[in-house]
Amino acid sequence: SVILTADQNVYLVKLITGLTRSLAYILQIFLMICGVSFWIVCAIELLSNVIQLILFNRLTLKKYPQLVKLDITDTINKENIISVKSKIKREIKYTFVHKIAGVVVFNTDYLIISVFLGITVITSFSSYMMLIQALGFLISAIASPLGAYIGAKLYSDSKEKVIRIISLYNSLFFMLGIFCAYMFYISSSTFVSLWMGKEIVLSQQLVLLLSVNCFVLIARISFDVAKVGLGYMSDIELPLLEAIINIIVSLVLVHYLGLNGIVIGTIVSNIIVVMILKPVFLYKNALKSDNAFIIHELIRSWFFISIFLLSIFFITRAKVIVSNEWLDFFIQVCMSSITPLLLLIMIYSVFDSNVRKFMFVMFKKMYREN
């Protein structure tokens, strides 16, 4: 997939990953409904990754047959080869740790639920998580080229311009995360009810907690994209810390709050690691930013997080979408999205200079084209 992405064939990467992931999700849901063992569901996840590996390998060899016969020693100095190999091995180790920790973080909830609450609870929980993960997957697929854009700017422009670009991405994805979390809260239960039946629906209190995780999952994309673009994977302690915090807090709270406690454990690890430590490590170690700038960025980000939390307070009084037909449901979703979207655009345009400048440039381009 790396070679395909480098050759600007991202659509092939997304096609393979999208199809295999979609089929895996469908099969996992079907097996969980049938009451199959949780370990078989996990095996499906592993199998989908193996299939992806095989497909990528065959496609790469078919599109680039010259790689099989290529002898890099003819074109590159041996000392450079050793240096590049050493760097690649180091980054592979870091990436491997990130991937393993990511698997632990995103699958810990399912494991704890199956052990303490039973396999039947997973059906309801996974129905909502499927929506969040599908939304995150879609946005990540759209945002993936931004990493290459940051990488190109890193070598063609100044560090200050790269920092401004990353700061803009943070603002845009935070705004998108707030909007998606709001829409998830008011519409997810009705969607699940129409899709799988009313007996699968969770309480709105739990949906409120899941909406916070929905926000973090989308907001973190800006940091993940920046890390890929900068080639910075050295913060291997962060995903490990995230996994440890998630497991400990979830194991403690599950005895007192049940499923709510498990979700709160994920929220706590997300806030500490993803929303605080990850941007600090990124700005300080990868971009060598000073402490004053880092504090300013954190305050700016947390200002809008505060707006999100404040909006959550009002969301609890918001009208949750109720419908018995798909067409009526989608109409209500479209109508309910107008006010919060306009409100978010107005708030960010007033308080965030990054978004304000971005919108000015976009309107200017649209005016010139017309």
Protein backbone atom coordinates (compact mmCIF):
# COMPACT_ATOMS: atom_id res chain seq x y z
CA SER A 1 0.00 0.00 0.00
CA VAL A 2 2.95 2.33 0.63
CA ILE A 3 4.17 2.01 -2.97
CA LEU A 4 0.67 2.55 -4.36
CA THR A 5 0.19 5.63 -2.19
CA ALA A 6 3.59 7.05 -3.16
CA ASP A 7 2.65 6.60 -6.84
CA GLN A 8 -0.58 8.58 -6.25
CA ASN A 9 -2.83 5.52 -6.49
CA VAL A 10 -4.57 6.18 -3.19
CA TYR A 11 -7.92 5.24 -4.75
CA LEU A 12 -6.71 1.65 -5.19
CA VAL A 13 -5.61 1.49 -1.56
CA LYS A 14 -8.97 2.82 -0.38
CA LEU A 15 -10.85 0.48 -2.73
CA ILE A 16 -9.15 -2.62 -1.33
CA THR A 17 -9.31 -1.55 2.31
CA GLY A 18 -12.87 -0.28 1.94
CA LEU A 19 -14.20 -3.49 0.38
CA THR A 20 -12.43 -5.84 2.79
CA ARG A 21 -13.39 -3.79 5.84
CA SER A 22 -17.02 -3.48 4.73
CA LEU A 23 -17.32 -7.23 4.11
CA ALA A 24 -15.64 -7.94 7.45
CA TYR A 25 -18.05 -5.60 9.29
CA ILE A 26 -21.09 -7.21 7.66
CA LEU A 27 -19.87 -10.72 8.47
CA GLN A 28 -19.00 -9.76 12.07
CA ILE A 29 -22.46 -8.26 12.67
CA PHE A 30 -24.13 -11.35 11.21
CA LEU A 31 -22.03 -13.68 13.39
CA MET A 32 -22.72 -11.64 16.53
CA ILE A 33 -26.46 -11.72 15.84
CA CYS A 34 -26.20 -15.50 15.48
CA GLY A 35 -24.46 -15.67 18.88
CA VAL A 36 -21.14 -16.96 17.57
CA SER A 37 -18.11 -16.89 19.90
CA PHE A 38 -16.39 -13.52 20.27
CA TRP A 39 -13.04 -15.08 19.35
CA ILE A 40 -14.40 -16.09 15.94
CA VAL A 41 -15.47 -12.48 15.42
CA CYS A 42 -11.90 -11.41 16.25
CA ALA A 43 -10.56 -14.03 13.83
CA ILE A 44 -12.61 -12.41 11.04
CA GLU A 45 -10.78 -9.15 11.77
CA LEU A 46 -7.42 -10.90 11.45
CA LEU A 47 -8.52 -12.68 8.27
CA SER A 48 -9.55 -9.41 6.62
CA ASN A 49 -6.08 -7.96 7.27
CA VAL A 50 -4.41 -11.05 5.78
CA ILE A 51 -6.61 -10.78 2.68
CA GLN A 52 -5.65 -7.11 2.37
CA LEU A 53 -1.96 -8.05 2.53
CA ILE A 54 -2.36 -10.67 -0.22
CA LEU A 55 -4.31 -8.31 -2.49
CA PHE A 56 -1.82 -5.47 -2.03
CA ASN A 57 1.10 -7.80 -2.74
CA ARG A 58 -0.43 -9.15 -5.97
CA LEU A 59 -1.55 -5.72 -7.19
CA THR A 60 1.87 -4.16 -6.51
CA LEU A 61 3.73 -6.93 -8.35
CA LYS A 62 1.31 -6.64 -11.27
CA LYS A 63 1.59 -2.85 -11.60
CA TYR A 64 5.32 -2.65 -10.87
CA PRO A 65 6.97 -5.86 -12.18
CA GLN A 66 10.28 -4.02 -12.41
CA LEU A 67 10.53 -4.07 -8.61
CA VAL A 68 11.22 -7.81 -8.69
CA LYS A 69 14.28 -7.38 -10.91
CA LEU A 70 15.41 -4.00 -9.56
CA ASP A 71 18.88 -3.93 -8.07
CA ILE A 72 19.16 -0.77 -6.00
CA THR A 73 22.90 -1.30 -5.47
CA ASP A 74 23.43 -0.13 -9.05
CA THR A 75 22.01 3.32 -8.38
CA ILE A 76 22.53 4.02 -4.67
CA ASN A 77 25.68 4.25 -2.61
CA LYS A 78 26.08 1.33 -0.17
CA GLU A 79 26.48 3.69 2.80
CA ASN A 80 23.21 5.37 1.91
CA ILE A 81 21.55 1.97 1.64
CA ILE A 82 22.68 1.05 5.16
CA SER A 83 21.48 4.40 6.50
CA VAL A 84 18.09 4.11 4.79
CA LYS A 85 17.64 0.50 5.92
CA SER A 86 18.43 1.47 9.51
CA LYS A 87 15.91 4.30 9.43
CA ILE A 88 13.25 2.11 7.81
CA LYS A 89 13.73 -0.63 10.41
CA ARG A 90 13.42 1.91 13.23
CA GLU A 91 10.24 3.43 11.79
CA ILE A 92 8.78 -0.04 11.17
CA LYS A 93 9.32 -0.90 14.84
CA TYR A 94 7.63 2.32 15.92
CA THR A 95 4.75 1.80 13.48
CA PHE A 96 4.34 -1.80 14.67
CA VAL A 97 3.99 -0.62 18.27
CA HIS A 98 1.44 2.01 17.17
CA LYS A 99 -0.60 -0.58 15.29
CA ILE A 100 -0.57 -3.11 18.14
CA ALA A 101 -1.54 -0.45 20.68
CA GLY A 102 -4.24 0.80 18.31
CA VAL A 103 -5.73 -2.69 18.05
CA VAL A 104 -5.71 -2.96 21.85
CA VAL A 105 -7.36 0.45 22.30
CA PHE A 106 -10.12 -0.12 19.75
CA ASN A 107 -10.88 -3.70 20.80
CA THR A 108 -10.48 -3.51 24.59
CA ASP A 109 -14.09 -2.42 25.06
CA TYR A 110 -15.42 -5.47 23.22
CA LEU A 111 -13.26 -7.86 25.24
CA ILE A 112 -14.22 -6.35 28.61
CA ILE A 113 -17.91 -6.31 27.64
CA SER A 114 -17.81 -9.99 26.64
CA VAL A 115 -16.13 -10.97 29.92
CA PHE A 116 -18.13 -8.88 32.41
CA LEU A 117 -21.44 -8.10 30.69
CA GLY A 118 -21.96 -10.96 28.25
CA ILE A 119 -21.88 -11.42 24.52
CA THR A 120 -25.46 -10.18 24.06
CA VAL A 121 -24.51 -6.63 25.12
CA ILE A 122 -21.89 -6.53 22.36
CA THR A 123 -24.62 -6.64 19.70
CA SER A 124 -26.14 -3.36 20.88
CA PHE A 125 -22.78 -1.72 21.58
CA SER A 126 -21.21 -2.77 18.27
CA SER A 127 -24.21 -1.45 16.31
CA TYR A 128 -23.45 2.08 17.52
CA MET A 129 -19.69 1.64 17.24
CA MET A 130 -20.13 0.48 13.65
CA LEU A 131 -21.67 3.86 12.84
CA ILE A 132 -18.84 5.75 14.56
CA GLN A 133 -16.10 3.66 12.97
CA ALA A 134 -17.71 3.81 9.52
CA LEU A 135 -17.92 7.59 9.83
CA GLY A 136 -14.30 7.78 10.99
CA PHE A 137 -13.18 5.46 8.18
CA LEU A 138 -14.94 7.60 5.56
CA ILE A 139 -13.45 10.86 6.84
CA SER A 140 -9.99 9.27 7.21
CA ALA A 141 -10.16 8.07 3.60
CA ILE A 142 -10.95 11.60 2.43
CA ALA A 143 -8.25 13.10 4.67
CA SER A 144 -5.47 10.63 3.80
CA PRO A 145 -4.00 12.74 0.93
CA LEU A 146 -3.49 15.60 3.40
CA GLY A 147 -0.57 13.70 4.94
CA ALA A 148 1.26 13.69 1.60
CA TYR A 149 0.45 17.39 1.22
CA ILE A 150 2.02 18.18 4.60
CA GLY A 151 5.07 16.09 3.69
CA ALA A 152 5.51 17.98 0.42
CA LYS A 153 5.13 21.35 2.16
CA LEU A 154 7.70 20.31 4.76
CA TYR A 155 10.38 20.16 2.07
CA SER A 156 9.18 23.03 -0.13
CA ASP A 157 8.06 25.65 2.41
CA SER A 158 9.09 27.00 5.79
CA LYS A 159 8.36 25.27 9.08
CA GLU A 160 6.12 28.17 10.10
CA LYS A 161 3.86 27.62 7.08
CA VAL A 162 3.65 23.89 7.83
CA ILE A 163 2.63 24.69 11.41
CA ARG A 164 -0.09 27.05 10.15
CA ILE A 165 -1.41 24.31 7.85
CA ILE A 166 -1.51 21.78 10.69
CA SER A 167 -3.21 24.33 12.94
CA LEU A 168 -5.86 24.88 10.25
CA TYR A 169 -6.43 21.14 9.94
CA ASN A 170 -6.90 20.95 13.71
CA SER A 171 -9.58 23.63 13.58
CA LEU A 172 -11.42 22.04 10.65
CA PHE A 173 -11.43 18.52 12.09
CA PHE A 174 -12.44 19.76 15.53
CA MET A 175 -15.37 21.57 13.94
CA LEU A 176 -16.28 18.48 11.91
CA GLY A 177 -15.99 16.32 15.04
CA ILE A 178 -18.38 18.52 17.00
CA PHE A 179 -20.92 18.46 14.19
CA CYS A 180 -20.73 14.68 13.71
CA ALA A 181 -20.99 14.06 17.47
CA TYR A 182 -24.13 16.20 17.65
CA MET A 183 -25.74 14.43 14.70
CA PHE A 184 -24.74 11.05 16.12
CA TYR A 185 -26.47 11.85 19.40
CA ILE A 186 -29.80 12.88 17.88
CA SER A 187 -30.00 10.29 15.08
CA SER A 188 -28.05 7.11 15.92
CA SER A 189 -30.72 5.43 18.08
CA THR A 190 -33.41 5.83 15.44
CA PHE A 191 -31.02 4.57 12.77
CA VAL A 192 -30.21 1.47 14.82
CA SER A 193 -33.91 0.93 15.59
CA LEU A 194 -34.83 1.01 11.90
CA TRP A 195 -31.82 -1.11 11.00
CA MET A 196 -31.80 -3.85 13.65
CA GLY A 197 -34.89 -3.35 15.80
CA LYS A 198 -35.85 -1.44 18.95
CA GLU A 199 -34.48 -4.14 21.28
CA ILE A 200 -30.93 -3.20 20.19
CA VAL A 201 -31.28 0.50 21.10
CA LEU A 202 -29.14 1.82 23.98
CA SER A 203 -30.10 4.50 26.50
CA GLN A 204 -29.59 8.13 25.47
CA GLN A 205 -27.25 8.58 28.44
CA LEU A 206 -24.91 5.99 26.95
CA VAL A 207 -25.35 7.45 23.46
CA LEU A 208 -24.25 10.79 24.93
CA LEU A 209 -21.01 9.18 26.13
CA LEU A 210 -20.49 7.50 22.76
CA SER A 211 -20.93 10.87 21.04
CA VAL A 212 -17.90 12.14 22.97
CA ASN A 213 -15.87 9.23 21.59
CA CYS A 214 -17.24 10.05 18.14
CA PHE A 215 -15.91 13.59 18.53
CA VAL A 216 -12.45 12.41 19.59
CA LEU A 217 -12.23 9.82 16.80
CA ILE A 218 -12.77 12.51 14.17
CA ALA A 219 -10.82 15.31 15.88
CA ARG A 220 -7.73 13.07 16.23
CA ILE A 221 -7.54 12.61 12.44
CA SER A 222 -5.77 15.97 12.14
CA PHE A 223 -2.99 14.82 14.49
CA ASP A 224 -2.71 11.43 12.76
CA VAL A 225 -2.49 13.06 9.32
CA ALA A 226 0.18 15.46 10.57
CA LYS A 227 2.23 12.59 12.03
CA VAL A 228 2.13 10.71 8.72
CA GLY A 229 3.11 13.81 6.76
CA LEU A 230 5.99 14.61 9.10
CA GLY A 231 7.10 10.97 9.27
CA TYR A 232 6.98 11.12 13.06
CA MET A 233 6.26 7.79 14.75
CA SER A 234 8.63 8.05 17.70
CA ASP A 235 5.92 8.66 20.31
CA ILE A 236 5.47 4.92 20.87
CA GLU A 237 4.83 5.45 24.58
CA LEU A 238 1.60 7.38 23.89
CA PRO A 239 -0.49 4.57 22.33
CA LEU A 240 0.79 2.21 25.01
CA LEU A 241 -0.22 4.70 27.72
CA GLU A 242 -3.61 5.15 26.04
CA ALA A 243 -4.19 1.39 26.07
CA ILE A 244 -3.10 1.03 29.72
CA ILE A 245 -5.32 3.90 30.94
CA ASN A 246 -8.25 2.57 28.95
CA ILE A 247 -7.93 -0.95 30.37
CA ILE A 248 -7.42 0.11 34.01
CA VAL A 249 -10.22 2.69 34.15
CA SER A 250 -12.63 0.43 32.26
CA LEU A 251 -11.93 -2.56 34.53
CA VAL A 252 -12.55 -0.44 37.63
CA LEU A 253 -15.69 1.37 36.44
CA VAL A 254 -17.38 -1.64 34.83
CA HIS A 255 -18.12 -2.97 38.33
CA TYR A 256 -19.94 0.24 39.31
CA LEU A 257 -21.38 1.68 36.10
CA GLY A 258 -21.56 -1.30 33.77
CA LEU A 259 -21.34 -0.45 30.08
CA ASN A 260 -21.26 3.27 30.87
CA GLY A 261 -18.08 2.72 32.89
CA ILE A 262 -16.35 0.99 29.98
CA VAL A 263 -17.16 3.87 27.65
CA ILE A 264 -16.00 6.39 30.28
CA GLY A 265 -12.68 4.53 30.43
CA THR A 266 -12.22 5.11 26.72
CA ILE A 267 -13.15 8.78 27.11
CA VAL A 268 -10.61 9.29 29.92
CA SER A 269 -7.78 7.74 27.88
CA ASN A 270 -8.80 9.79 24.84
CA ILE A 271 -8.78 13.08 26.73
CA ILE A 272 -5.45 12.49 28.48
CA VAL A 273 -3.50 11.00 25.58
CA VAL A 274 -5.18 12.01 22.32
CA MET A 275 -6.37 15.50 23.18
CA ILE A 276 -3.47 16.62 25.42
CA LEU A 277 -0.28 14.54 25.20
CA LYS A 278 -0.36 13.74 21.47
CA PRO A 279 -0.44 17.39 20.27
CA VAL A 280 2.23 18.30 22.85
CA PHE A 281 4.57 15.57 21.58
CA LEU A 282 3.83 16.46 17.96
CA TYR A 283 4.53 20.17 18.28
CA LYS A 284 7.46 19.84 20.67
CA ASN A 285 9.37 16.90 19.17
CA ALA A 286 8.37 16.80 15.50
CA LEU A 287 8.01 20.54 14.84
CA LYS A 288 10.34 21.86 17.57
CA SER A 289 7.80 24.49 18.61
CA ASP A 290 8.31 26.59 21.73
CA ASN A 291 6.28 26.07 24.89
CA ALA A 292 4.34 29.32 24.48
CA PHE A 293 2.99 28.24 21.09
CA ILE A 294 2.10 24.77 22.38
CA ILE A 295 0.19 26.24 25.33
CA HIS A 296 -1.60 28.64 22.98
CA GLU A 297 -2.64 25.78 20.68
CA LEU A 298 -3.88 23.68 23.59
CA ILE A 299 -5.88 26.58 25.03
CA ARG A 300 -7.34 27.29 21.59
CA SER A 301 -8.27 23.64 21.09
CA TRP A 302 -9.72 23.29 24.58
CA PHE A 303 -11.73 26.46 24.09
CA PHE A 304 -13.62 24.77 21.29
CA ILE A 305 -13.78 21.52 23.26
CA SER A 306 -15.45 23.58 25.99
CA ILE A 307 -17.92 24.82 23.40
CA PHE A 308 -18.53 21.19 22.47
CA LEU A 309 -19.12 20.19 26.11
CA LEU A 310 -21.41 23.19 26.57
CA SER A 311 -23.32 22.21 23.45
CA ILE A 312 -23.59 18.66 24.83
CA PHE A 313 -25.38 20.16 27.84
CA PHE A 314 -27.94 21.69 25.51
CA ILE A 315 -28.00 18.55 23.37
CA THR A 316 -29.47 16.68 26.32
CA ARG A 317 -32.47 18.97 25.91
CA ALA A 318 -32.43 18.71 22.13
CA LYS A 319 -35.10 16.80 20.29
CA VAL A 320 -33.89 13.33 19.36
CA ILE A 321 -35.04 12.23 15.92
CA VAL A 322 -37.92 9.75 16.06
CA SER A 323 -39.18 8.02 12.92
CA ASN A 324 -40.61 4.72 11.71
CA GLU A 325 -39.65 5.13 8.04
CA TRP A 326 -36.28 5.51 6.35
CA LEU A 327 -37.33 8.35 4.06
CA ASP A 328 -38.79 10.39 6.90
CA PHE A 329 -35.68 9.65 8.97
CA PHE A 330 -33.28 10.98 6.33
CA ILE A 331 -35.43 14.07 5.79
CA GLN A 332 -35.35 14.81 9.53
CA VAL A 333 -31.57 14.28 9.61
CA CYS A 334 -31.08 16.80 6.79
CA MET A 335 -33.38 19.34 8.42
CA SER A 336 -31.81 18.89 11.86
CA SER A 337 -28.28 19.39 10.52
CA ILE A 338 -28.83 22.89 9.13
CA THR A 339 -28.95 24.86 12.39
CA PRO A 340 -25.93 23.28 14.16
CA LEU A 341 -23.84 23.46 10.98
CA LEU A 342 -24.54 27.16 10.47
CA LEU A 343 -23.96 27.81 14.18
CA LEU A 344 -20.58 26.04 14.12
CA ILE A 345 -19.47 27.91 11.01
CA MET A 346 -20.44 31.20 12.62
CA ILE A 347 -18.67 30.42 15.91
CA TYR A 348 -15.45 29.29 14.25
CA SER A 349 -15.51 32.19 11.79
CA VAL A 350 -15.72 34.65 14.68
CA PHE A 351 -13.27 33.09 17.15
CA ASP A 352 -10.83 31.11 14.98
CA SER A 353 -8.56 33.09 12.65
CA ASN A 354 -7.47 29.92 10.82
CA VAL A 355 -11.00 29.07 9.71
CA ARG A 356 -11.78 32.72 8.99
CA LYS A 357 -8.81 33.06 6.62
CA PHE A 358 -9.57 29.69 5.03
CA MET A 359 -13.18 30.66 4.32
CA PHE A 360 -12.07 34.03 2.94
CA VAL A 361 -9.68 32.31 0.51
CA MET A 362 -12.34 29.80 -0.55
CA PHE A 363 -14.94 32.52 -1.17
CA LYS A 364 -12.35 34.52 -3.10
CA LYS A 365 -11.59 31.54 -5.37
CA MET A 366 -15.30 30.92 -5.95
CA TYR A 367 -15.81 34.59 -6.84
CA ARG A 368 -12.95 34.51 -9.36
CA GLU A 369 -14.28 31.34 -11.00
CA ASN A 370 -17.69 32.93 -11.43
